[in-house]
PDB file of N, CA and C in Angstrom:
ATOM      1  N   MET A   1     133.651  65.448  88.603  1.00  0.00           N
ATOM      2  CA  MET A   1     134.255  65.628  89.913  1.00  0.00           C
ATOM      3  C   MET A   1     135.717  65.210  89.875  1.00  0.00           C
ATOM      4  N   ALA A   2     135.985  64.097  89.239  1.00  0.00           N
ATOM      5  CA  ALA A   2     137.368  63.627  89.168  1.00  0.00           C
ATOM      6  C   ALA A   2     138.237  64.613  88.388  1.00  0.00           C
ATOM      7  N   THR A   3     137.714  65.162  87.308  1.00  0.00           N
ATOM      8  CA  THR A   3     138.466  66.135  86.527  1.00  0.00           C
ATOM      9  C   THR A   3     138.761  67.377  87.348  1.00  0.00           C
ATOM     10  N   TYR A   4     137.758  67.850  88.073  1.00  0.00           N
ATOM     11  CA  TYR A   4     137.951  69.034  88.923  1.00  0.00           C
ATOM     12  C   TYR A   4     139.007  68.762  89.983  1.00  0.00           C
ATOM     13  N   LEU A   5     138.907  67.610  90.633  1.00  0.00           N
ATOM     14  CA  LEU A   5     139.864  67.286  91.687  1.00  0.00           C
ATOM     15  C   LEU A   5     141.276  67.119  91.143  1.00  0.00           C
ATOM     16  N   GLU A   6     141.398  66.365  90.075  1.00  0.00           N
ATOM     17  CA  GLU A   6     142.727  66.023  89.584  1.00  0.00           C
ATOM     18  C   GLU A   6     143.397  67.172  88.856  1.00  0.00           C
ATOM     19  N   ARG A   7     142.652  67.872  88.013  1.00  0.00           N
ATOM     20  CA  ARG A   7     143.269  68.919  87.216  1.00  0.00           C
ATOM     21  C   ARG A   7     143.348  70.238  87.966  1.00  0.00           C
ATOM     22  N   ASP A   8     142.207  70.742  88.378  1.00  0.00           N
ATOM     23  CA  ASP A   8     142.171  72.081  88.951  1.00  0.00           C
ATOM     24  C   ASP A   8     142.744  72.151  90.357  1.00  0.00           C
ATOM     25  N   VAL A   9     142.286  71.301  91.227  1.00  0.00           N
ATOM     26  CA  VAL A   9     142.724  71.372  92.624  1.00  0.00           C
ATOM     27  C   VAL A   9     144.192  71.037  92.754  1.00  0.00           C
ATOM     28  N   ARG A  10     144.625  70.005  92.107  1.00  0.00           N
ATOM     29  CA  ARG A  10     146.026  69.607  92.230  1.00  0.00           C
ATOM     30  C   ARG A  10     146.952  70.692  91.679  1.00  0.00           C
ATOM     31  N   ASN A  11     146.553  71.329  90.578  1.00  0.00           N
ATOM     32  CA  ASN A  11     147.402  72.359  89.983  1.00  0.00           C
ATOM     33  C   ASN A  11     147.378  73.670  90.760  1.00  0.00           C
ATOM     34  N   ILE A  12     146.220  74.069  91.253  1.00  0.00           N
ATOM     35  CA  ILE A  12     146.114  75.367  91.914  1.00  0.00           C
ATOM     36  C   ILE A  12     146.701  75.335  93.318  1.00  0.00           C
ATOM     37  N   LEU A  13     146.278  74.389  94.120  1.00  0.00           N
ATOM     38  CA  LEU A  13     146.686  74.372  95.531  1.00  0.00           C
ATOM     39  C   LEU A  13     147.799  73.391  95.843  1.00  0.00           C
ATOM     40  N   ARG A  14     148.150  72.596  94.875  1.00  0.00           N
ATOM     41  CA  ARG A  14     149.150  71.562  95.131  1.00  0.00           C
ATOM     42  C   ARG A  14     148.692  70.637  96.253  1.00  0.00           C
ATOM     43  N   VAL A  15     147.413  70.273  96.216  1.00  0.00           N
ATOM     44  CA  VAL A  15     146.880  69.350  97.211  1.00  0.00           C
ATOM     45  C   VAL A  15     147.504  67.987  96.968  1.00  0.00           C
ATOM     46  N   VAL A  16     148.159  67.469  97.982  1.00  0.00           N
ATOM     47  CA  VAL A  16     148.846  66.190  97.848  1.00  0.00           C
ATOM     48  C   VAL A  16     147.858  65.036  98.006  1.00  0.00           C
ATOM     49  N   ASP A  17     147.029  65.095  99.025  1.00  0.00           N
ATOM     50  CA  ASP A  17     146.099  64.002  99.304  1.00  0.00           C
ATOM     51  C   ASP A  17     144.703  64.371  98.816  1.00  0.00           C
ATOM     52  N   LEU A  18     144.360  63.905  97.625  1.00  0.00           N
ATOM     53  CA  LEU A  18     143.060  64.223  97.051  1.00  0.00           C
ATOM     54  C   LEU A  18     141.921  63.564  97.820  1.00  0.00           C
ATOM     55  N   GLN A  19     142.191  62.487  98.541  1.00  0.00           N
ATOM     56  CA  GLN A  19     141.144  61.859  99.347  1.00  0.00           C
ATOM     57  C   GLN A  19     140.711  62.783 100.479  1.00  0.00           C
ATOM     58  N   ASP A  20     141.667  63.483 101.081  1.00  0.00           N
ATOM     59  CA  ASP A  20     141.317  64.452 102.126  1.00  0.00           C
ATOM     60  C   ASP A  20     140.474  65.582 101.554  1.00  0.00           C
ATOM     61  N   PHE A  21     140.857  66.080 100.374  1.00  0.00           N
ATOM     62  CA  PHE A  21     140.086  67.159  99.759  1.00  0.00           C
ATOM     63  C   PHE A  21     138.702  66.666  99.357  1.00  0.00           C
ATOM     64  N   ASN A  22     138.622  65.454  98.859  1.00  0.00           N
ATOM     65  CA  ASN A  22     137.329  64.874  98.483  1.00  0.00           C
ATOM     66  C   ASN A  22     136.427  64.749  99.716  1.00  0.00           C
ATOM     67  N   ARG A  23     136.969  64.296 100.826  1.00  0.00           N
ATOM     68  CA  ARG A  23     136.218  64.207 102.067  1.00  0.00           C
ATOM     69  C   ARG A  23     135.785  65.599 102.527  1.00  0.00           C
ATOM     70  N   PHE A  24     136.660  66.580 102.363  1.00  0.00           N
ATOM     71  CA  PHE A  24     136.358  67.956 102.753  1.00  0.00           C
ATOM     72  C   PHE A  24     135.202  68.528 101.928  1.00  0.00           C
ATOM     73  N   ILE A  25     135.230  68.352 100.628  1.00  0.00           N
ATOM     74  CA  ILE A  25     134.182  68.924  99.785  1.00  0.00           C
ATOM     75  C   ILE A  25     132.847  68.216 100.033  1.00  0.00           C
ATOM     76  N   ARG A  26     132.882  66.930 100.336  1.00  0.00           N
ATOM     77  CA  ARG A  26     131.648  66.218 100.686  1.00  0.00           C
ATOM     78  C   ARG A  26     131.084  66.707 102.026  1.00  0.00           C
ATOM     79  N   ALA A  27     131.960  66.982 102.969  1.00  0.00           N
ATOM     80  CA  ALA A  27     131.514  67.529 104.255  1.00  0.00           C
ATOM     81  C   ALA A  27     130.921  68.922 104.062  1.00  0.00           C
ATOM     82  N   CYS A  28     131.485  69.691 103.160  1.00  0.00           N
ATOM     83  CA  CYS A  28     130.920  71.012 102.849  1.00  0.00           C
ATOM     84  C   CYS A  28     129.530  70.863 102.244  1.00  0.00           C
ATOM     85  N   ALA A  29     129.352  69.888 101.364  1.00  0.00           N
ATOM     86  CA  ALA A  29     128.043  69.673 100.743  1.00  0.00           C
ATOM     87  C   ALA A  29     126.995  69.320 101.788  1.00  0.00           C
ATOM     88  N   LEU A  30     127.394  68.559 102.784  1.00  0.00           N
ATOM     89  CA  LEU A  30     126.455  68.200 103.850  1.00  0.00           C
ATOM     90  C   LEU A  30     126.144  69.373 104.768  1.00  0.00           C
ATOM     91  N   ARG A  31     126.929  70.440 104.659  1.00  0.00           N
ATOM     92  CA  ARG A  31     126.714  71.630 105.484  1.00  0.00           C
ATOM     93  C   ARG A  31     126.160  72.806 104.680  1.00  0.00           C
ATOM     94  N   THR A  32     125.663  72.567 103.479  1.00  0.00           N
ATOM     95  CA  THR A  32     125.142  73.667 102.681  1.00  0.00           C
ATOM     96  C   THR A  32     123.975  74.340 103.387  1.00  0.00           C
ATOM     97  N   SER A  33     123.930  75.643 103.293  1.00  0.00           N
ATOM     98  CA  SER A  33     122.906  76.490 103.931  1.00  0.00           C
ATOM     99  C   SER A  33     122.940  76.401 105.453  1.00  0.00           C
ATOM    100  N   GLN A  34     124.103  76.145 105.989  1.00  0.00           N
ATOM    101  CA  GLN A  34     124.266  76.112 107.436  1.00  0.00           C
ATOM    102  C   GLN A  34     125.383  77.079 107.833  1.00  0.00           C
ATOM    103  N   VAL A  35     125.353  77.498 109.075  1.00  0.00           N
ATOM    104  CA  VAL A  35     126.381  78.409 109.575  1.00  0.00           C
ATOM    105  C   VAL A  35     127.724  77.686 109.551  1.00  0.00           C
ATOM    106  N   LEU A  36     128.715  78.367 109.018  1.00  0.00           N
ATOM    107  CA  LEU A  36     130.037  77.785 108.839  1.00  0.00           C
ATOM    108  C   LEU A  36     130.839  77.850 110.134  1.00  0.00           C
ATOM    109  N   ASN A  37     131.407  76.703 110.514  1.00  0.00           N
ATOM    110  CA  ASN A  37     132.306  76.630 111.649  1.00  0.00           C
ATOM    111  C   ASN A  37     133.554  75.888 111.162  1.00  0.00           C
ATOM    112  N   TYR A  38     134.623  76.640 110.940  1.00  0.00           N
ATOM    113  CA  TYR A  38     135.850  76.056 110.397  1.00  0.00           C
ATOM    114  C   TYR A  38     136.411  74.949 111.285  1.00  0.00           C
ATOM    115  N   SER A  39     136.353  75.132 112.580  1.00  0.00           N
ATOM    116  CA  SER A  39     136.918  74.146 113.505  1.00  0.00           C
ATOM    117  C   SER A  39     136.181  72.813 113.413  1.00  0.00           C
ATOM    118  N   ASP A  40     134.851  72.865 113.394  1.00  0.00           N
ATOM    119  CA  ASP A  40     134.063  71.625 113.268  1.00  0.00           C
ATOM    120  C   ASP A  40     134.301  70.951 111.926  1.00  0.00           C
ATOM    121  N   LEU A  41     134.339  71.745 110.869  1.00  0.00           N
ATOM    122  CA  LEU A  41     134.569  71.203 109.531  1.00  0.00           C
ATOM    123  C   LEU A  41     135.937  70.540 109.445  1.00  0.00           C
ATOM    124  N   ALA A  42     136.946  71.207 109.988  1.00  0.00           N
ATOM    125  CA  ALA A  42     138.304  70.648 109.967  1.00  0.00           C
ATOM    126  C   ALA A  42     138.388  69.387 110.815  1.00  0.00           C
ATOM    127  N   ARG A  43     137.789  69.414 111.998  1.00  0.00           N
ATOM    128  CA  ARG A  43     137.828  68.245 112.875  1.00  0.00           C
ATOM    129  C   ARG A  43     137.139  67.048 112.215  1.00  0.00           C
ATOM    130  N   ASP A  44     135.988  67.275 111.608  1.00  0.00           N
ATOM    131  CA  ASP A  44     135.235  66.179 111.001  1.00  0.00           C
ATOM    132  C   ASP A  44     135.931  65.575 109.785  1.00  0.00           C
ATOM    133  N   THR A  45     136.773  66.362 109.126  1.00  0.00           N
ATOM    134  CA  THR A  45     137.464  65.846 107.941  1.00  0.00           C
ATOM    135  C   THR A  45     138.917  65.477 108.209  1.00  0.00           C
ATOM    136  N   GLY A  46     139.394  65.729 109.421  1.00  0.00           N
ATOM    137  CA  GLY A  46     140.748  65.320 109.785  1.00  0.00           C
ATOM    138  C   GLY A  46     141.841  66.209 109.225  1.00  0.00           C
ATOM    139  N   ILE A  47     141.553  67.500 109.059  1.00  0.00           N
ATOM    140  CA  ILE A  47     142.563  68.434 108.566  1.00  0.00           C
ATOM    141  C   ILE A  47     142.686  69.587 109.556  1.00  0.00           C
ATOM    142  N   ALA A  48     143.663  70.435 109.351  1.00  0.00           N
ATOM    143  CA  ALA A  48     143.867  71.606 110.216  1.00  0.00           C
ATOM    144  C   ALA A  48     142.879  72.708 109.828  1.00  0.00           C
ATOM    145  N   PRO A  49     142.453  73.527 110.785  1.00  0.00           N
ATOM    146  CA  PRO A  49     141.536  74.632 110.464  1.00  0.00           C
ATOM    147  C   PRO A  49     142.080  75.592 109.406  1.00  0.00           C
ATOM    148  N   ASN A  50     143.376  75.837 109.411  1.00  0.00           N
ATOM    149  CA  ASN A  50     143.960  76.709 108.381  1.00  0.00           C
ATOM    150  C   ASN A  50     143.853  76.085 106.995  1.00  0.00           C
ATOM    151  N   THR A  51     144.002  74.776 106.934  1.00  0.00           N
ATOM    152  CA  THR A  51     143.835  74.071 105.665  1.00  0.00           C
ATOM    153  C   THR A  51     142.392  74.169 105.203  1.00  0.00           C
ATOM    154  N   ALA A  52     141.447  74.048 106.122  1.00  0.00           N
ATOM    155  CA  ALA A  52     140.029  74.179 105.779  1.00  0.00           C
ATOM    156  C   ALA A  52     139.751  75.559 105.211  1.00  0.00           C
ATOM    157  N   ARG A  53     140.325  76.588 105.801  1.00  0.00           N
ATOM    158  CA  ARG A  53     140.142  77.953 105.290  1.00  0.00           C
ATOM    159  C   ARG A  53     140.719  78.097 103.886  1.00  0.00           C
ATOM    160  N   LYS A  54     141.897  77.533 103.677  1.00  0.00           N
ATOM    161  CA  LYS A  54     142.549  77.620 102.367  1.00  0.00           C
ATOM    162  C   LYS A  54     141.747  76.870 101.317  1.00  0.00           C
ATOM    163  N   TRP A  55     141.280  75.678 101.637  1.00  0.00           N
ATOM    164  CA  TRP A  55     140.508  74.888 100.684  1.00  0.00           C
ATOM    165  C   TRP A  55     139.149  75.518 100.407  1.00  0.00           C
ATOM    166  N   LEU A  56     138.535  76.102 101.421  1.00  0.00           N
ATOM    167  CA  LEU A  56     137.254  76.770 101.204  1.00  0.00           C
ATOM    168  C   LEU A  56     137.441  78.000 100.322  1.00  0.00           C
ATOM    169  N   SER A  57     138.558  78.678 100.474  1.00  0.00           N
ATOM    170  CA  SER A  57     138.877  79.806  99.606  1.00  0.00           C
ATOM    171  C   SER A  57     138.992  79.354  98.148  1.00  0.00           C
ATOM    172  N   LEU A  58     139.572  78.180  97.933  1.00  0.00           N
ATOM    173  CA  LEU A  58     139.662  77.626  96.584  1.00  0.00           C
ATOM    174  C   LEU A  58     138.273  77.335  96.030  1.00  0.00           C
ATOM    175  N   LEU A  59     137.402  76.754  96.853  1.00  0.00           N
ATOM    176  CA  LEU A  59     136.042  76.464  96.397  1.00  0.00           C
ATOM    177  C   LEU A  59     135.285  77.746  96.079  1.00  0.00           C
ATOM    178  N   LYS A  60     135.519  78.789  96.845  1.00  0.00           N
ATOM    179  CA  LYS A  60     134.886  80.082  96.573  1.00  0.00           C
ATOM    180  C   LYS A  60     135.403  80.677  95.270  1.00  0.00           C
ATOM    181  N   SER A  61     136.711  80.655  95.063  1.00  0.00           N
ATOM    182  CA  SER A  61     137.283  81.262  93.857  1.00  0.00           C
ATOM    183  C   SER A  61     136.928  80.489  92.597  1.00  0.00           C
ATOM    184  N   SER A  62     136.629  79.200  92.722  1.00  0.00           N
ATOM    185  CA  SER A  62     136.229  78.411  91.553  1.00  0.00           C
ATOM    186  C   SER A  62     134.705  78.334  91.408  1.00  0.00           C
ATOM    187  N   ALA A  63     133.985  79.163  92.172  1.00  0.00           N
ATOM    188  CA  ALA A  63     132.525  79.312  92.072  1.00  0.00           C
ATOM    189  C   ALA A  63     131.770  78.013  92.357  1.00  0.00           C
ATOM    190  N   VAL A  64     132.283  77.238  93.289  1.00  0.00           N
ATOM    191  CA  VAL A  64     131.576  76.044  93.738  1.00  0.00           C
ATOM    192  C   VAL A  64     130.693  76.393  94.925  1.00  0.00           C
ATOM    193  N   VAL A  65     131.213  77.229  95.821  1.00  0.00           N
ATOM    194  CA  VAL A  65     130.465  77.655  97.002  1.00  0.00           C
ATOM    195  C   VAL A  65     130.553  79.171  97.129  1.00  0.00           C
ATOM    196  N   THR A  66     129.719  79.705  97.983  1.00  0.00           N
ATOM    197  CA  THR A  66     129.813  81.103  98.373  1.00  0.00           C
ATOM    198  C   THR A  66     129.465  81.198  99.849  1.00  0.00           C
ATOM    199  N   LEU A  67     129.829  82.302 100.441  1.00  0.00           N
ATOM    200  CA  LEU A  67     129.504  82.542 101.837  1.00  0.00           C
ATOM    201  C   LEU A  67     128.527  83.705 101.913  1.00  0.00           C
ATOM    202  N   ILE A  68     127.462  83.523 102.661  1.00  0.00           N
ATOM    203  CA  ILE A  68     126.491  84.589 102.873  1.00  0.00           C
ATOM    204  C   ILE A  68     126.793  85.201 104.233  1.00  0.00           C
ATOM    205  N   GLU A  69     127.213  86.437 104.188  1.00  0.00           N
ATOM    206  CA  GLU A  69     127.531  87.132 105.436  1.00  0.00           C
ATOM    207  C   GLU A  69     126.239  87.433 106.184  1.00  0.00           C
ATOM    208  N   PRO A  70     126.266  87.366 107.506  1.00  0.00           N
ATOM    209  CA  PRO A  70     125.049  87.620 108.284  1.00  0.00           C
ATOM    210  C   PRO A  70     124.671  89.096 108.253  1.00  0.00           C
ATOM    211  N   TYR A  71     123.393  89.354 108.404  1.00  0.00           N
ATOM    212  CA  TYR A  71     122.923  90.736 108.484  1.00  0.00           C
ATOM    213  C   TYR A  71     122.331  90.988 109.859  1.00  0.00           C
ATOM    214  N   PHE A  72     122.853  91.990 110.520  1.00  0.00           N
ATOM    215  CA  PHE A  72     122.342  92.441 111.804  1.00  0.00           C
ATOM    216  C   PHE A  72     122.314  93.963 111.771  1.00  0.00           C
ATOM    217  N   GLY A  73     121.399  94.557 112.500  1.00  0.00           N
ATOM    218  CA  GLY A  73     121.375  96.003 112.609  1.00  0.00           C
ATOM    219  C   GLY A  73     122.631  96.538 113.262  1.00  0.00           C
ATOM    220  N   ASN A  74     123.176  95.768 114.188  1.00  0.00           N
ATOM    221  CA  ASN A  74     124.411  96.122 114.869  1.00  0.00           C
ATOM    222  C   ASN A  74     125.593  95.767 113.960  1.00  0.00           C
ATOM    223  N   ARG A  75     126.344  96.755 113.544  1.00  0.00           N
ATOM    224  CA  ARG A  75     127.451  96.523 112.596  1.00  0.00           C
ATOM    225  C   ARG A  75     128.562  95.661 113.187  1.00  0.00           C
ATOM    226  N   THR A  76     128.753  95.716 114.472  1.00  0.00           N
ATOM    227  CA  THR A  76     129.770  94.879 115.108  1.00  0.00           C
ATOM    228  C   THR A  76     129.398  93.411 114.987  1.00  0.00           C
ATOM    229  N   LYS A  77     128.120  93.095 115.176  1.00  0.00           N
ATOM    230  CA  LYS A  77     127.685  91.709 115.050  1.00  0.00           C
ATOM    231  C   LYS A  77     127.884  91.183 113.636  1.00  0.00           C
ATOM    232  N   ARG A  78     127.760  92.054 112.648  1.00  0.00           N
ATOM    233  CA  ARG A  78     127.976  91.638 111.256  1.00  0.00           C
ATOM    234  C   ARG A  78     129.392  91.116 111.064  1.00  0.00           C
ATOM    235  N   LEU A  79     130.330  91.712 111.760  1.00  0.00           N
ATOM    236  CA  LEU A  79     131.728  91.300 111.642  1.00  0.00           C
ATOM    237  C   LEU A  79     132.044  90.056 112.458  1.00  0.00           C
ATOM    238  N   ILE A  80     131.354  89.888 113.561  1.00  0.00           N
ATOM    239  CA  ILE A  80     131.673  88.814 114.495  1.00  0.00           C
ATOM    240  C   ILE A  80     130.989  87.499 114.132  1.00  0.00           C
ATOM    241  N   LYS A  81     129.739  87.559 113.731  1.00  0.00           N
ATOM    242  CA  LYS A  81     128.957  86.352 113.469  1.00  0.00           C
ATOM    243  C   LYS A  81     129.482  85.602 112.248  1.00  0.00           C
ATOM    244  N   SER A  82     129.277  84.299 112.259  1.00  0.00           N
ATOM    245  CA  SER A  82     129.774  83.437 111.182  1.00  0.00           C
ATOM    246  C   SER A  82     128.840  83.471 109.971  1.00  0.00           C
ATOM    247  N   PRO A  83     129.412  83.351 108.772  1.00  0.00           N
ATOM    248  CA  PRO A  83     128.591  83.317 107.565  1.00  0.00           C
ATOM    249  C   PRO A  83     127.988  81.933 107.342  1.00  0.00           C
ATOM    250  N   LYS A  84     127.061  81.855 106.390  1.00  0.00           N
ATOM    251  CA  LYS A  84     126.502  80.574 105.963  1.00  0.00           C
ATOM    252  C   LYS A  84     127.265  80.095 104.742  1.00  0.00           C
ATOM    253  N   LEU A  85     127.505  78.811 104.685  1.00  0.00           N
ATOM    254  CA  LEU A  85     128.142  78.179 103.539  1.00  0.00           C
ATOM    255  C   LEU A  85     127.044  77.706 102.594  1.00  0.00           C
ATOM    256  N   VAL A  86     127.111  78.097 101.311  1.00  0.00           N
ATOM    257  CA  VAL A  86     126.078  77.711 100.358  1.00  0.00           C
ATOM    258  C   VAL A  86     126.737  77.249  99.061  1.00  0.00           C
ATOM    259  N   PHE A  87     126.338  76.083  98.593  1.00  0.00           N
ATOM    260  CA  PHE A  87     126.778  75.608  97.281  1.00  0.00           C
ATOM    261  C   PHE A  87     126.017  76.365  96.213  1.00  0.00           C
ATOM    262  N   LEU A  88     126.664  76.669  95.108  1.00  0.00           N
ATOM    263  CA  LEU A  88     125.997  77.391  94.033  1.00  0.00           C
ATOM    264  C   LEU A  88     125.274  76.451  93.076  1.00  0.00           C
ATOM    265  N   ASP A  89     125.597  75.173  93.124  1.00  0.00           N
ATOM    266  CA  ASP A  89     124.935  74.168  92.288  1.00  0.00           C
ATOM    267  C   ASP A  89     124.310  73.120  93.214  1.00  0.00           C
ATOM    268  N   THR A  90     122.986  73.144  93.317  1.00  0.00           N
ATOM    269  CA  THR A  90     122.287  72.228  94.220  1.00  0.00           C
ATOM    270  C   THR A  90     122.476  70.777  93.800  1.00  0.00           C
ATOM    271  N   GLY A  91     122.497  70.523  92.509  1.00  0.00           N
ATOM    272  CA  GLY A  91     122.687  69.155  92.022  1.00  0.00           C
ATOM    273  C   GLY A  91     124.041  68.596  92.421  1.00  0.00           C
ATOM    274  N   LEU A  92     125.078  69.405  92.290  1.00  0.00           N
ATOM    275  CA  LEU A  92     126.417  68.975  92.696  1.00  0.00           C
ATOM    276  C   LEU A  92     126.458  68.716  94.198  1.00  0.00           C
ATOM    277  N   ALA A  93     125.843  69.597  94.969  1.00  0.00           N
ATOM    278  CA  ALA A  93     125.815  69.415  96.428  1.00  0.00           C
ATOM    279  C   ALA A  93     125.088  68.132  96.806  1.00  0.00           C
ATOM    280  N   ALA A  94     123.965  67.858  96.149  1.00  0.00           N
ATOM    281  CA  ALA A  94     123.210  66.634  96.444  1.00  0.00           C
ATOM    282  C   ALA A  94     124.018  65.396  96.073  1.00  0.00           C
ATOM    283  N   PHE A  95     124.702  65.446  94.938  1.00  0.00           N
ATOM    284  CA  PHE A  95     125.542  64.319  94.523  1.00  0.00           C
ATOM    285  C   PHE A  95     126.661  64.083  95.538  1.00  0.00           C
ATOM    286  N   LEU A  96     127.340  65.157  95.930  1.00  0.00           N
ATOM    287  CA  LEU A  96     128.439  65.021  96.890  1.00  0.00           C
ATOM    288  C   LEU A  96     127.953  64.563  98.251  1.00  0.00           C
ATOM    289  N   ALA A  97     126.727  64.936  98.612  1.00  0.00           N
ATOM    290  CA  ALA A  97     126.161  64.531  99.902  1.00  0.00           C
ATOM    291  C   ALA A  97     125.694  63.084  99.883  1.00  0.00           C
ATOM    292  N   GLY A  98     125.672  62.459  98.721  1.00  0.00           N
ATOM    293  CA  GLY A  98     125.327  61.045  98.637  1.00  0.00           C
ATOM    294  C   GLY A  98     123.882  60.755  98.286  1.00  0.00           C
ATOM    295  N   PHE A  99     123.128  61.758  97.895  1.00  0.00           N
ATOM    296  CA  PHE A  99     121.738  61.527  97.502  1.00  0.00           C
ATOM    297  C   PHE A  99     121.698  61.105  96.035  1.00  0.00           C
ATOM    298  N   ARG A 100     121.081  59.967  95.782  1.00  0.00           N
ATOM    299  CA  ARG A 100     121.009  59.459  94.408  1.00  0.00           C
ATOM    300  C   ARG A 100     119.629  59.665  93.781  1.00  0.00           C
ATOM    301  N   THR A 101     118.606  59.818  94.622  1.00  0.00           N
ATOM    302  CA  THR A 101     117.261  60.064  94.104  1.00  0.00           C
ATOM    303  C   THR A 101     116.646  61.217  94.883  1.00  0.00           C
ATOM    304  N   GLU A 102     115.635  61.831  94.272  1.00  0.00           N
ATOM    305  CA  GLU A 102     114.976  62.928  94.971  1.00  0.00           C
ATOM    306  C   GLU A 102     114.212  62.431  96.191  1.00  0.00           C
ATOM    307  N   GLN A 103     113.764  61.194  96.160  1.00  0.00           N
ATOM    308  CA  GLN A 103     113.071  60.633  97.327  1.00  0.00           C
ATOM    309  C   GLN A 103     114.022  60.525  98.519  1.00  0.00           C
ATOM    310  N   ASP A 104     115.263  60.154  98.251  1.00  0.00           N
ATOM    311  CA  ASP A 104     116.265  60.091  99.328  1.00  0.00           C
ATOM    312  C   ASP A 104     116.472  61.461  99.951  1.00  0.00           C
ATOM    313  N   LEU A 105     116.536  62.473  99.103  1.00  0.00           N
ATOM    314  CA  LEU A 105     116.742  63.826  99.598  1.00  0.00           C
ATOM    315  C   LEU A 105     115.540  64.325 100.389  1.00  0.00           C
ATOM    316  N   PHE A 106     114.342  64.123  99.847  1.00  0.00           N
ATOM    317  CA  PHE A 106     113.131  64.608 100.520  1.00  0.00           C
ATOM    318  C   PHE A 106     112.896  63.907 101.850  1.00  0.00           C
ATOM    319  N   ALA A 107     113.376  62.668 101.982  1.00  0.00           N
ATOM    320  CA  ALA A 107     113.191  61.919 103.216  1.00  0.00           C
ATOM    321  C   ALA A 107     114.231  62.274 104.280  1.00  0.00           C
ATOM    322  N   SER A 108     115.263  63.015 103.892  1.00  0.00           N
ATOM    323  CA  SER A 108     116.332  63.320 104.844  1.00  0.00           C
ATOM    324  C   SER A 108     116.024  64.594 105.628  1.00  0.00           C
ATOM    325  N   SER A 109     116.785  64.779 106.676  1.00  0.00           N
ATOM    326  CA  SER A 109     116.642  65.995 107.485  1.00  0.00           C
ATOM    327  C   SER A 109     117.283  67.202 106.806  1.00  0.00           C
ATOM    328  N   LEU A 110     117.987  66.986 105.714  1.00  0.00           N
ATOM    329  CA  LEU A 110     118.653  68.076 105.001  1.00  0.00           C
ATOM    330  C   LEU A 110     117.803  68.672 103.884  1.00  0.00           C
ATOM    331  N   ALA A 111     116.573  68.207 103.717  1.00  0.00           N
ATOM    332  CA  ALA A 111     115.731  68.682 102.614  1.00  0.00           C
ATOM    333  C   ALA A 111     115.549  70.192 102.670  1.00  0.00           C
ATOM    334  N   GLY A 112     115.341  70.750 103.837  1.00  0.00           N
ATOM    335  CA  GLY A 112     115.159  72.191 103.971  1.00  0.00           C
ATOM    336  C   GLY A 112     116.400  72.973 103.590  1.00  0.00           C
ATOM    337  N   ALA A 113     117.559  72.474 103.983  1.00  0.00           N
ATOM    338  CA  ALA A 113     118.817  73.138 103.644  1.00  0.00           C
ATOM    339  C   ALA A 113     119.056  73.113 102.140  1.00  0.00           C
ATOM    340  N   PHE A 114     118.724  71.993 101.507  1.00  0.00           N
ATOM    341  CA  PHE A 114     118.905  71.910 100.058  1.00  0.00           C
ATOM    342  C   PHE A 114     117.887  72.774  99.327  1.00  0.00           C
ATOM    343  N   TRP A 115     116.689  72.925  99.869  1.00  0.00           N
ATOM    344  CA  TRP A 115     115.702  73.829  99.280  1.00  0.00           C
ATOM    345  C   TRP A 115     116.213  75.268  99.365  1.00  0.00           C
ATOM    346  N   GLU A 116     116.758  75.645 100.513  1.00  0.00           N
ATOM    347  CA  GLU A 116     117.318  76.983 100.675  1.00  0.00           C
ATOM    348  C   GLU A 116     118.470  77.202  99.702  1.00  0.00           C
ATOM    349  N   THR A 117     119.298  76.194  99.511  1.00  0.00           N
ATOM    350  CA  THR A 117     120.403  76.274  98.561  1.00  0.00           C
ATOM    351  C   THR A 117     119.883  76.490  97.148  1.00  0.00           C
ATOM    352  N   TYR A 118     118.829  75.755  96.786  1.00  0.00           N
ATOM    353  CA  TYR A 118     118.238  75.888  95.459  1.00  0.00           C
ATOM    354  C   TYR A 118     117.682  77.294  95.249  1.00  0.00           C
ATOM    355  N   VAL A 119     116.933  77.807  96.215  1.00  0.00           N
ATOM    356  CA  VAL A 119     116.335  79.144  96.096  1.00  0.00           C
ATOM    357  C   VAL A 119     117.436  80.202  95.988  1.00  0.00           C
ATOM    358  N   PHE A 120     118.467  80.086  96.801  1.00  0.00           N
ATOM    359  CA  PHE A 120     119.574  81.035  96.729  1.00  0.00           C
ATOM    360  C   PHE A 120     120.238  80.986  95.359  1.00  0.00           C
ATOM    361  N   GLY A 121     120.443  79.789  94.827  1.00  0.00           N
ATOM    362  CA  GLY A 121     121.030  79.651  93.498  1.00  0.00           C
ATOM    363  C   GLY A 121     120.184  80.292  92.417  1.00  0.00           C
ATOM    364  N   GLN A 122     118.873  80.189  92.530  1.00  0.00           N
ATOM    365  CA  GLN A 122     117.986  80.804  91.542  1.00  0.00           C
ATOM    366  C   GLN A 122     118.046  82.330  91.641  1.00  0.00           C
ATOM    367  N   ILE A 123     118.170  82.847  92.840  1.00  0.00           N
ATOM    368  CA  ILE A 123     118.265  84.297  93.027  1.00  0.00           C
ATOM    369  C   ILE A 123     119.579  84.819  92.433  1.00  0.00           C
ATOM    370  N   ILE A 124     120.647  84.106  92.700  1.00  0.00           N
ATOM    371  CA  ILE A 124     121.958  84.505  92.166  1.00  0.00           C
ATOM    372  C   ILE A 124     121.943  84.414  90.655  1.00  0.00           C
TER     373      ILE A 124
END
């Protein structure tokens, strides 16, 4: 994690405050398999919504996360509705979310979201 933050993130985006980015990526891990709301994510991490979009784009391009676009029969709703944020590595997401044992994860309210993340990762 430190290598990714220090080498890749600092060089690609010129992120000045790595603590803010670290807080952002941990907040993303806690939101895996949930509908993405840039405003809530930015507010919770203390950054601007545009910064959240830029940083999430970096995570997508470095294959840390992906966005699952919603499917609706109505094509307009497909464009309007928010996508789901999903980590591609369940272990990394669990580590960033602060789970140290599988018992901690299974006892949390996020167990279902992490299961969905795992299944999606296996499909991909």
